[in-house]
mmCIF file of all heavy atoms, coordinates in Angstrom:
data_MODEL
# 
_entry.id   MODEL 
# 
loop_
_atom_site.group_PDB 
_atom_site.id 
_atom_site.type_symbol 
_atom_site.label_atom_id 
_atom_site.label_alt_id 
_atom_site.label_comp_id 
_atom_site.label_asym_id 
_atom_site.label_entity_id 
_atom_site.label_seq_id 
_atom_site.pdbx_PDB_ins_code 
_atom_site.Cartn_x 
_atom_site.Cartn_y 
_atom_site.Cartn_z 
_atom_site.occupancy 
_atom_site.B_iso_or_equiv 
_atom_site.pdbx_formal_charge 
_atom_site.auth_seq_id 
_atom_site.auth_comp_id 
_atom_site.auth_asym_id 
_atom_site.auth_atom_id 
_atom_site.pdbx_PDB_model_num 
ATOM 1   N N   . ALA A 1 1  ? 6.468   0.157  6.545   1.00 0.00 ? 1  ALA A N   1 
ATOM 2   C CA  . ALA A 1 1  ? 5.910   0.481  7.856   1.00 0.00 ? 1  ALA A CA  1 
ATOM 3   C C   . ALA A 1 1  ? 6.924   0.212  8.959   1.00 0.00 ? 1  ALA A C   1 
ATOM 4   O O   . ALA A 1 1  ? 7.050   0.996  9.910   1.00 0.00 ? 1  ALA A O   1 
ATOM 5   C CB  . ALA A 1 1  ? 4.641   -0.327 8.091   1.00 0.00 ? 1  ALA A CB  1 
ATOM 6   N N   . LYS A 1 2  ? 7.663   -0.877 8.823   1.00 0.00 ? 2  LYS A N   1 
ATOM 7   C CA  . LYS A 1 2  ? 8.684   -1.212 9.821   1.00 0.00 ? 2  LYS A CA  1 
ATOM 8   C C   . LYS A 1 2  ? 9.836   -0.216 9.767   1.00 0.00 ? 2  LYS A C   1 
ATOM 9   O O   . LYS A 1 2  ? 10.289  0.283  10.800  1.00 0.00 ? 2  LYS A O   1 
ATOM 10  C CB  . LYS A 1 2  ? 9.197   -2.630 9.583   1.00 0.00 ? 2  LYS A CB  1 
ATOM 11  C CG  . LYS A 1 2  ? 10.327  -3.049 10.527  1.00 0.00 ? 2  LYS A CG  1 
ATOM 12  C CD  . LYS A 1 2  ? 10.737  -4.485 10.257  1.00 0.00 ? 2  LYS A CD  1 
ATOM 13  C CE  . LYS A 1 2  ? 12.030  -4.832 10.996  1.00 0.00 ? 2  LYS A CE  1 
ATOM 14  N NZ  . LYS A 1 2  ? 11.900  -4.651 12.454  1.00 0.00 ? 2  LYS A NZ  1 
ATOM 15  N N   . SER A 1 3  ? 10.315  0.091  8.552   1.00 0.00 ? 3  SER A N   1 
ATOM 16  C CA  . SER A 1 3  ? 11.472  0.986  8.423   1.00 0.00 ? 3  SER A CA  1 
ATOM 17  C C   . SER A 1 3  ? 11.158  2.402  8.889   1.00 0.00 ? 3  SER A C   1 
ATOM 18  O O   . SER A 1 3  ? 12.027  3.103  9.406   1.00 0.00 ? 3  SER A O   1 
ATOM 19  C CB  . SER A 1 3  ? 11.961  1.010  6.970   1.00 0.00 ? 3  SER A CB  1 
ATOM 20  O OG  . SER A 1 3  ? 10.991  1.609  6.127   1.00 0.00 ? 3  SER A OG  1 
ATOM 21  N N   . GLN A 1 4  ? 9.895   2.828  8.720   1.00 0.00 ? 4  GLN A N   1 
ATOM 22  C CA  . GLN A 1 4  ? 9.501   4.177  9.125   1.00 0.00 ? 4  GLN A CA  1 
ATOM 23  C C   . GLN A 1 4  ? 8.768   4.198  10.466  1.00 0.00 ? 4  GLN A C   1 
ATOM 24  O O   . GLN A 1 4  ? 8.309   5.252  10.909  1.00 0.00 ? 4  GLN A O   1 
ATOM 25  C CB  . GLN A 1 4  ? 8.623   4.805  8.037   1.00 0.00 ? 4  GLN A CB  1 
ATOM 26  C CG  . GLN A 1 4  ? 9.361   4.970  6.718   1.00 0.00 ? 4  GLN A CG  1 
ATOM 27  C CD  . GLN A 1 4  ? 8.527   5.675  5.659   1.00 0.00 ? 4  GLN A CD  1 
ATOM 28  O OE1 . GLN A 1 4  ? 7.621   6.435  5.984   1.00 0.00 ? 4  GLN A OE1 1 
ATOM 29  N NE2 . GLN A 1 4  ? 8.833   5.421  4.402   1.00 0.00 ? 4  GLN A NE2 1 
ATOM 30  N N   . ASN A 1 5  ? 8.669   3.021  11.099  1.00 0.00 ? 5  ASN A N   1 
ATOM 31  C CA  . ASN A 1 5  ? 8.015   2.909  12.402  1.00 0.00 ? 5  ASN A CA  1 
ATOM 32  C C   . ASN A 1 5  ? 6.615   3.506  12.372  1.00 0.00 ? 5  ASN A C   1 
ATOM 33  O O   . ASN A 1 5  ? 6.219   4.271  13.255  1.00 0.00 ? 5  ASN A O   1 
ATOM 34  C CB  . ASN A 1 5  ? 8.871   3.587  13.487  1.00 0.00 ? 5  ASN A CB  1 
ATOM 35  C CG  . ASN A 1 5  ? 8.434   3.196  14.885  1.00 0.00 ? 5  ASN A CG  1 
ATOM 36  O OD1 . ASN A 1 5  ? 7.918   2.095  15.099  1.00 0.00 ? 5  ASN A OD1 1 
ATOM 37  N ND2 . ASN A 1 5  ? 8.630   4.084  15.840  1.00 0.00 ? 5  ASN A ND2 1 
ATOM 38  N N   . ASP A 1 6  ? 5.865   3.162  11.322  1.00 0.00 ? 6  ASP A N   1 
ATOM 39  C CA  . ASP A 1 6  ? 4.542   3.759  11.117  1.00 0.00 ? 6  ASP A CA  1 
ATOM 40  C C   . ASP A 1 6  ? 3.546   2.684  10.685  1.00 0.00 ? 6  ASP A C   1 
ATOM 41  O O   . ASP A 1 6  ? 3.407   2.415  9.493   1.00 0.00 ? 6  ASP A O   1 
ATOM 42  C CB  . ASP A 1 6  ? 4.638   4.860  10.065  1.00 0.00 ? 6  ASP A CB  1 
ATOM 43  C CG  . ASP A 1 6  ? 3.299   5.548  9.809   1.00 0.00 ? 6  ASP A CG  1 
ATOM 44  O OD1 . ASP A 1 6  ? 2.338   5.286  10.560  1.00 0.00 ? 6  ASP A OD1 1 
ATOM 45  O OD2 . ASP A 1 6  ? 3.223   6.353  8.858   1.00 0.00 ? 6  ASP A OD2 1 
ATOM 46  N N   . PRO A 1 7  ? 2.833   2.072  11.638  1.00 0.00 ? 7  PRO A N   1 
ATOM 47  C CA  . PRO A 1 7  ? 1.856   1.038  11.291  1.00 0.00 ? 7  PRO A CA  1 
ATOM 48  C C   . PRO A 1 7  ? 0.763   1.539  10.360  1.00 0.00 ? 7  PRO A C   1 
ATOM 49  O O   . PRO A 1 7  ? 0.208   0.774  9.578   1.00 0.00 ? 7  PRO A O   1 
ATOM 50  C CB  . PRO A 1 7  ? 1.267   0.633  12.651  1.00 0.00 ? 7  PRO A CB  1 
ATOM 51  C CG  . PRO A 1 7  ? 2.287   1.043  13.655  1.00 0.00 ? 7  PRO A CG  1 
ATOM 52  C CD  . PRO A 1 7  ? 2.926   2.277  13.089  1.00 0.00 ? 7  PRO A CD  1 
ATOM 53  N N   . GLY A 1 8  ? 0.461   2.835  10.444  1.00 0.00 ? 8  GLY A N   1 
ATOM 54  C CA  . GLY A 1 8  ? -0.578  3.399  9.596   1.00 0.00 ? 8  GLY A CA  1 
ATOM 55  C C   . GLY A 1 8  ? -0.233  3.320  8.127   1.00 0.00 ? 8  GLY A C   1 
ATOM 56  O O   . GLY A 1 8  ? -1.132  3.295  7.271   1.00 0.00 ? 8  GLY A O   1 
ATOM 57  N N   . LEU A 1 9  ? 1.049   3.246  7.817   1.00 0.00 ? 9  LEU A N   1 
ATOM 58  C CA  . LEU A 1 9  ? 1.469   3.186  6.412   1.00 0.00 ? 9  LEU A CA  1 
ATOM 59  C C   . LEU A 1 9  ? 0.983   1.895  5.765   1.00 0.00 ? 9  LEU A C   1 
ATOM 60  O O   . LEU A 1 9  ? 0.474   1.903  4.642   1.00 0.00 ? 9  LEU A O   1 
ATOM 61  C CB  . LEU A 1 9  ? 2.992   3.289  6.331   1.00 0.00 ? 9  LEU A CB  1 
ATOM 62  C CG  . LEU A 1 9  ? 3.611   3.572  4.960   1.00 0.00 ? 9  LEU A CG  1 
ATOM 63  C CD1 . LEU A 1 9  ? 4.943   4.281  5.123   1.00 0.00 ? 9  LEU A CD1 1 
ATOM 64  C CD2 . LEU A 1 9  ? 3.792   2.297  4.164   1.00 0.00 ? 9  LEU A CD2 1 
ATOM 65  N N   . ALA A 1 10 ? 1.129   0.777  6.481   1.00 0.00 ? 10 ALA A N   1 
ATOM 66  C CA  . ALA A 1 10 ? 0.670   -0.501 5.937   1.00 0.00 ? 10 ALA A CA  1 
ATOM 67  C C   . ALA A 1 10 ? -0.844  -0.491 5.751   1.00 0.00 ? 10 ALA A C   1 
ATOM 68  O O   . ALA A 1 10 ? -1.369  -0.963 4.740   1.00 0.00 ? 10 ALA A O   1 
ATOM 69  C CB  . ALA A 1 10 ? 1.082   -1.650 6.854   1.00 0.00 ? 10 ALA A CB  1 
ATOM 70  N N   . LYS A 1 11 ? -1.544  0.062  6.725   1.00 0.00 ? 11 LYS A N   1 
ATOM 71  C CA  . LYS A 1 11 ? -3.003  0.078  6.654   1.00 0.00 ? 11 LYS A CA  1 
ATOM 72  C C   . LYS A 1 11 ? -3.488  0.977  5.513   1.00 0.00 ? 11 LYS A C   1 
ATOM 73  O O   . LYS A 1 11 ? -4.494  0.673  4.862   1.00 0.00 ? 11 LYS A O   1 
ATOM 74  C CB  . LYS A 1 11 ? -3.579  0.529  7.993   1.00 0.00 ? 11 LYS A CB  1 
ATOM 75  C CG  . LYS A 1 11 ? -3.334  -0.495 9.096   1.00 0.00 ? 11 LYS A CG  1 
ATOM 76  C CD  . LYS A 1 11 ? -3.814  -0.023 10.444  1.00 0.00 ? 11 LYS A CD  1 
ATOM 77  C CE  . LYS A 1 11 ? -3.502  -1.075 11.506  1.00 0.00 ? 11 LYS A CE  1 
ATOM 78  N NZ  . LYS A 1 11 ? -3.900  -0.645 12.871  1.00 0.00 ? 11 LYS A NZ  1 
ATOM 79  N N   . SER A 1 12 ? -2.767  2.053  5.250   1.00 0.00 ? 12 SER A N   1 
ATOM 80  C CA  . SER A 1 12 ? -3.165  2.928  4.141   1.00 0.00 ? 12 SER A CA  1 
ATOM 81  C C   . SER A 1 12 ? -2.974  2.220  2.805   1.00 0.00 ? 12 SER A C   1 
ATOM 82  O O   . SER A 1 12 ? -3.747  2.421  1.863   1.00 0.00 ? 12 SER A O   1 
ATOM 83  C CB  . SER A 1 12 ? -2.356  4.232  4.167   1.00 0.00 ? 12 SER A CB  1 
ATOM 84  O OG  . SER A 1 12 ? -1.001  4.008  3.827   1.00 0.00 ? 12 SER A OG  1 
ATOM 85  N N   . GLN A 1 13 ? -1.948  1.365  2.714   1.00 0.00 ? 13 GLN A N   1 
ATOM 86  C CA  . GLN A 1 13 ? -1.731  0.618  1.482   1.00 0.00 ? 13 GLN A CA  1 
ATOM 87  C C   . GLN A 1 13 ? -2.834  -0.414 1.258   1.00 0.00 ? 13 GLN A C   1 
ATOM 88  O O   . GLN A 1 13 ? -3.216  -0.687 0.124   1.00 0.00 ? 13 GLN A O   1 
ATOM 89  C CB  . GLN A 1 13 ? -0.367  -0.069 1.518   1.00 0.00 ? 13 GLN A CB  1 
ATOM 90  C CG  . GLN A 1 13 ? 0.809   0.887  1.475   1.00 0.00 ? 13 GLN A CG  1 
ATOM 91  C CD  . GLN A 1 13 ? 0.712   1.857  0.319   1.00 0.00 ? 13 GLN A CD  1 
ATOM 92  O OE1 . GLN A 1 13 ? 0.668   1.462  -0.843  1.00 0.00 ? 13 GLN A OE1 1 
ATOM 93  N NE2 . GLN A 1 13 ? 0.661   3.150  0.626   1.00 0.00 ? 13 GLN A NE2 1 
ATOM 94  N N   . VAL A 1 14 ? -3.358  -0.952 2.336   1.00 0.00 ? 14 VAL A N   1 
ATOM 95  C CA  . VAL A 1 14 ? -4.488  -1.883 2.231   1.00 0.00 ? 14 VAL A CA  1 
ATOM 96  C C   . VAL A 1 14 ? -5.699  -1.154 1.643   1.00 0.00 ? 14 VAL A C   1 
ATOM 97  O O   . VAL A 1 14 ? -6.420  -1.690 0.800   1.00 0.00 ? 14 VAL A O   1 
ATOM 98  C CB  . VAL A 1 14 ? -4.838  -2.473 3.614   1.00 0.00 ? 14 VAL A CB  1 
ATOM 99  C CG1 . VAL A 1 14 ? -6.131  -3.288 3.538   1.00 0.00 ? 14 VAL A CG1 1 
ATOM 100 C CG2 . VAL A 1 14 ? -3.696  -3.353 4.122   1.00 0.00 ? 14 VAL A CG2 1 
ATOM 101 N N   . GLU A 1 15 ? -5.895  0.083  2.071   1.00 0.00 ? 15 GLU A N   1 
ATOM 102 C CA  . GLU A 1 15 ? -7.004  0.881  1.532   1.00 0.00 ? 15 GLU A CA  1 
ATOM 103 C C   . GLU A 1 15 ? -6.809  1.132  0.038   1.00 0.00 ? 15 GLU A C   1 
ATOM 104 O O   . GLU A 1 15 ? -7.763  1.057  -0.749  1.00 0.00 ? 15 GLU A O   1 
ATOM 105 C CB  . GLU A 1 15 ? -7.099  2.205  2.283   1.00 0.00 ? 15 GLU A CB  1 
ATOM 106 C CG  . GLU A 1 15 ? -7.527  2.044  3.737   1.00 0.00 ? 15 GLU A CG  1 
ATOM 107 C CD  . GLU A 1 15 ? -7.478  3.357  4.503   1.00 0.00 ? 15 GLU A CD  1 
ATOM 108 O OE1 . GLU A 1 15 ? -7.140  4.401  3.884   1.00 0.00 ? 15 GLU A OE1 1 
ATOM 109 O OE2 . GLU A 1 15 ? -7.776  3.341  5.717   1.00 0.00 ? 15 GLU A OE2 1 
ATOM 110 N N   . HIS A 1 16 ? -5.582  1.424  -0.367  1.00 0.00 ? 16 HIS A N   1 
ATOM 111 C CA  . HIS A 1 16 ? -5.292  1.634  -1.790  1.00 0.00 ? 16 HIS A CA  1 
ATOM 112 C C   . HIS A 1 16 ? -5.538  0.351  -2.589  1.00 0.00 ? 16 HIS A C   1 
ATOM 113 O O   . HIS A 1 16 ? -6.054  0.394  -3.715  1.00 0.00 ? 16 HIS A O   1 
ATOM 114 C CB  . HIS A 1 16 ? -3.851  2.093  -1.981  1.00 0.00 ? 16 HIS A CB  1 
ATOM 115 C CG  . HIS A 1 16 ? -3.616  3.526  -1.611  1.00 0.00 ? 16 HIS A CG  1 
ATOM 116 N ND1 . HIS A 1 16 ? -4.306  4.573  -2.180  1.00 0.00 ? 16 HIS A ND1 1 
ATOM 117 C CD2 . HIS A 1 16 ? -2.769  4.092  -0.715  1.00 0.00 ? 16 HIS A CD2 1 
ATOM 118 C CE1 . HIS A 1 16 ? -3.900  5.710  -1.660  1.00 0.00 ? 16 HIS A CE1 1 
ATOM 119 N NE2 . HIS A 1 16 ? -2.960  5.445  -0.771  1.00 0.00 ? 16 HIS A NE2 1 
ATOM 120 N N   . MET A 1 17 ? -5.166  -0.793 -2.007  1.00 0.00 ? 17 MET A N   1 
ATOM 121 C CA  . MET A 1 17 ? -5.391  -2.062 -2.684  1.00 0.00 ? 17 MET A CA  1 
ATOM 122 C C   . MET A 1 17 ? -6.893  -2.316 -2.860  1.00 0.00 ? 17 MET A C   1 
ATOM 123 O O   . MET A 1 17 ? -7.334  -2.831 -3.887  1.00 0.00 ? 17 MET A O   1 
ATOM 124 C CB  . MET A 1 17 ? -4.728  -3.201 -1.904  1.00 0.00 ? 17 MET A CB  1 
ATOM 125 C CG  . MET A 1 17 ? -3.219  -3.211 -2.119  1.00 0.00 ? 17 MET A CG  1 
ATOM 126 S SD  . MET A 1 17 ? -2.202  -4.074 -0.898  1.00 0.00 ? 17 MET A SD  1 
ATOM 127 C CE  . MET A 1 17 ? -3.063  -5.537 -0.541  1.00 0.00 ? 17 MET A CE  1 
ATOM 128 N N   . GLY A 1 18 ? -7.662  -1.938 -1.829  1.00 0.00 ? 18 GLY A N   1 
ATOM 129 C CA  . GLY A 1 18 ? -9.106  -2.083 -1.919  1.00 0.00 ? 18 GLY A CA  1 
ATOM 130 C C   . GLY A 1 18 ? -9.689  -1.226 -3.030  1.00 0.00 ? 18 GLY A C   1 
ATOM 131 O O   . GLY A 1 18 ? -10.569 -1.669 -3.797  1.00 0.00 ? 18 GLY A O   1 
ATOM 132 N N   . ALA A 1 19 ? -9.193  0.007  -3.149  1.00 0.00 ? 19 ALA A N   1 
ATOM 133 C CA  . ALA A 1 19 ? -9.672  0.908  -4.192  1.00 0.00 ? 19 ALA A CA  1 
ATOM 134 C C   . ALA A 1 19 ? -9.304  0.366  -5.579  1.00 0.00 ? 19 ALA A C   1 
ATOM 135 O O   . ALA A 1 19 ? -10.088 0.461  -6.529  1.00 0.00 ? 19 ALA A O   1 
ATOM 136 C CB  . ALA A 1 19 ? -9.079  2.303  -3.988  1.00 0.00 ? 19 ALA A CB  1 
ATOM 137 N N   . TYR A 1 20 ? -8.102  -0.210 -5.671  1.00 0.00 ? 20 TYR A N   1 
ATOM 138 C CA  . TYR A 1 20 ? -7.660  -0.779 -6.948  1.00 0.00 ? 20 TYR A CA  1 
ATOM 139 C C   . TYR A 1 20 ? -8.569  -1.937 -7.376  1.00 0.00 ? 20 TYR A C   1 
ATOM 140 O O   . TYR A 1 20 ? -8.982  -2.038 -8.531  1.00 0.00 ? 20 TYR A O   1 
ATOM 141 C CB  . TYR A 1 20 ? -6.225  -1.240 -6.837  1.00 0.00 ? 20 TYR A CB  1 
ATOM 142 C CG  . TYR A 1 20 ? -5.705  -1.927 -8.073  1.00 0.00 ? 20 TYR A CG  1 
ATOM 143 C CD1 . TYR A 1 20 ? -5.381  -1.179 -9.206  1.00 0.00 ? 20 TYR A CD1 1 
ATOM 144 C CD2 . TYR A 1 20 ? -5.547  -3.308 -8.129  1.00 0.00 ? 20 TYR A CD2 1 
ATOM 145 C CE1 . TYR A 1 20 ? -4.909  -1.806 -10.363 1.00 0.00 ? 20 TYR A CE1 1 
ATOM 146 C CE2 . TYR A 1 20 ? -5.080  -3.938 -9.262  1.00 0.00 ? 20 TYR A CE2 1 
ATOM 147 C CZ  . TYR A 1 20 ? -4.773  -3.183 -10.378 1.00 0.00 ? 20 TYR A CZ  1 
ATOM 148 O OH  . TYR A 1 20 ? -4.323  -3.800 -11.509 1.00 0.00 ? 20 TYR A OH  1 
ATOM 149 N N   . LEU A 1 21 ? -8.900  -2.806 -6.415  1.00 0.00 ? 21 LEU A N   1 
ATOM 150 C CA  . LEU A 1 21 ? -9.755  -3.959 -6.737  1.00 0.00 ? 21 LEU A CA  1 
ATOM 151 C C   . LEU A 1 21 ? -11.162 -3.523 -7.122  1.00 0.00 ? 21 LEU A C   1 
ATOM 152 O O   . LEU A 1 21 ? -11.809 -4.181 -7.935  1.00 0.00 ? 21 LEU A O   1 
ATOM 153 C CB  . LEU A 1 21 ? -9.798  -4.920 -5.549  1.00 0.00 ? 21 LEU A CB  1 
ATOM 154 C CG  . LEU A 1 21 ? -8.505  -5.702 -5.261  1.00 0.00 ? 21 LEU A CG  1 
ATOM 155 C CD1 . LEU A 1 21 ? -8.704  -6.636 -4.085  1.00 0.00 ? 21 LEU A CD1 1 
ATOM 156 C CD2 . LEU A 1 21 ? -8.043  -6.485 -6.478  1.00 0.00 ? 21 LEU A CD2 1 
ATOM 157 N N   . LYS A 1 22 ? -11.626 -2.427 -6.540  1.00 0.00 ? 22 LYS A N   1 
ATOM 158 C CA  . LYS A 1 22 ? -12.944 -1.929 -6.928  1.00 0.00 ? 22 LYS A CA  1 
ATOM 159 C C   . LYS A 1 22 ? -12.964 -1.568 -8.398  1.00 0.00 ? 22 LYS A C   1 
ATOM 160 O O   . LYS A 1 22 ? -13.993 -1.697 -9.071  1.00 0.00 ? 22 LYS A O   1 
ATOM 161 C CB  . LYS A 1 22 ? -13.302 -0.710 -6.080  1.00 0.00 ? 22 LYS A CB  1 
ATOM 162 C CG  . LYS A 1 22 ? -13.752 -1.057 -4.668  1.00 0.00 ? 22 LYS A CG  1 
ATOM 163 C CD  . LYS A 1 22 ? -14.169 0.186  -3.896  1.00 0.00 ? 22 LYS A CD  1 
ATOM 164 C CE  . LYS A 1 22 ? -14.598 -0.171 -2.478  1.00 0.00 ? 22 LYS A CE  1 
ATOM 165 N NZ  . LYS A 1 22 ? -14.966 1.038  -1.696  1.00 0.00 ? 22 LYS A NZ  1 
ATOM 166 N N   . GLY A 1 23 ? -11.826 -1.110 -8.907  1.00 0.00 ? 23 GLY A N   1 
ATOM 167 C CA  . GLY A 1 23 ? -11.744 -0.773 -10.331 1.00 0.00 ? 23 GLY A CA  1 
ATOM 168 C C   . GLY A 1 23 ? -11.739 -1.990 -11.228 1.00 0.00 ? 23 GLY A C   1 
ATOM 169 O O   . GLY A 1 23 ? -11.887 -1.853 -12.455 1.00 0.00 ? 23 GLY A O   1 
ATOM 170 N N   . LEU A 1 24 ? -11.601 -3.171 -10.636 1.00 0.00 ? 24 LEU A N   1 
ATOM 171 C CA  . LEU A 1 24 ? -11.608 -4.414 -11.413 1.00 0.00 ? 24 LEU A CA  1 
ATOM 172 C C   . LEU A 1 24 ? -12.939 -5.152 -11.293 1.00 0.00 ? 24 LEU A C   1 
ATOM 173 O O   . LEU A 1 24 ? -13.052 -6.299 -11.750 1.00 0.00 ? 24 LEU A O   1 
ATOM 174 C CB  . LEU A 1 24 ? -10.471 -5.335 -10.941 1.00 0.00 ? 24 LEU A CB  1 
ATOM 175 C CG  . LEU A 1 24 ? -9.044  -4.798 -11.076 1.00 0.00 ? 24 LEU A CG  1 
ATOM 176 C CD1 . LEU A 1 24 ? -8.044  -5.803 -10.512 1.00 0.00 ? 24 LEU A CD1 1 
ATOM 177 C CD2 . LEU A 1 24 ? -8.712  -4.489 -12.528 1.00 0.00 ? 24 LEU A CD2 1 
ATOM 178 N N   . LYS A 1 25 ? -13.921 -4.504 -10.702 1.00 0.00 ? 25 LYS A N   1 
ATOM 179 C CA  . LYS A 1 25 ? -15.212 -5.169 -10.510 1.00 0.00 ? 25 LYS A CA  1 
ATOM 180 C C   . LYS A 1 25 ? -15.897 -5.417 -11.832 1.00 0.00 ? 25 LYS A C   1 
ATOM 181 O O   . LYS A 1 25 ? -15.745 -4.661 -12.788 1.00 0.00 ? 25 LYS A O   1 
ATOM 182 C CB  . LYS A 1 25 ? -16.125 -4.307 -9.615  1.00 0.00 ? 25 LYS A CB  1 
ATOM 183 C CG  . LYS A 1 25 ? -15.693 -4.294 -8.147  1.00 0.00 ? 25 LYS A CG  1 
ATOM 184 C CD  . LYS A 1 25 ? -16.745 -3.679 -7.258  1.00 0.00 ? 25 LYS A CD  1 
ATOM 185 C CE  . LYS A 1 25 ? -17.895 -4.625 -7.073  1.00 0.00 ? 25 LYS A CE  1 
ATOM 186 N NZ  . LYS A 1 25 ? -18.844 -4.187 -6.035  1.00 0.00 ? 25 LYS A NZ  1 
# 
């Protein structure tokens, strides 16, 4: 996110992490 000057990139990865954890429920 820092290298590409795109805060949305970090937030999108958080969403992916959330989806991944749902698969571990």
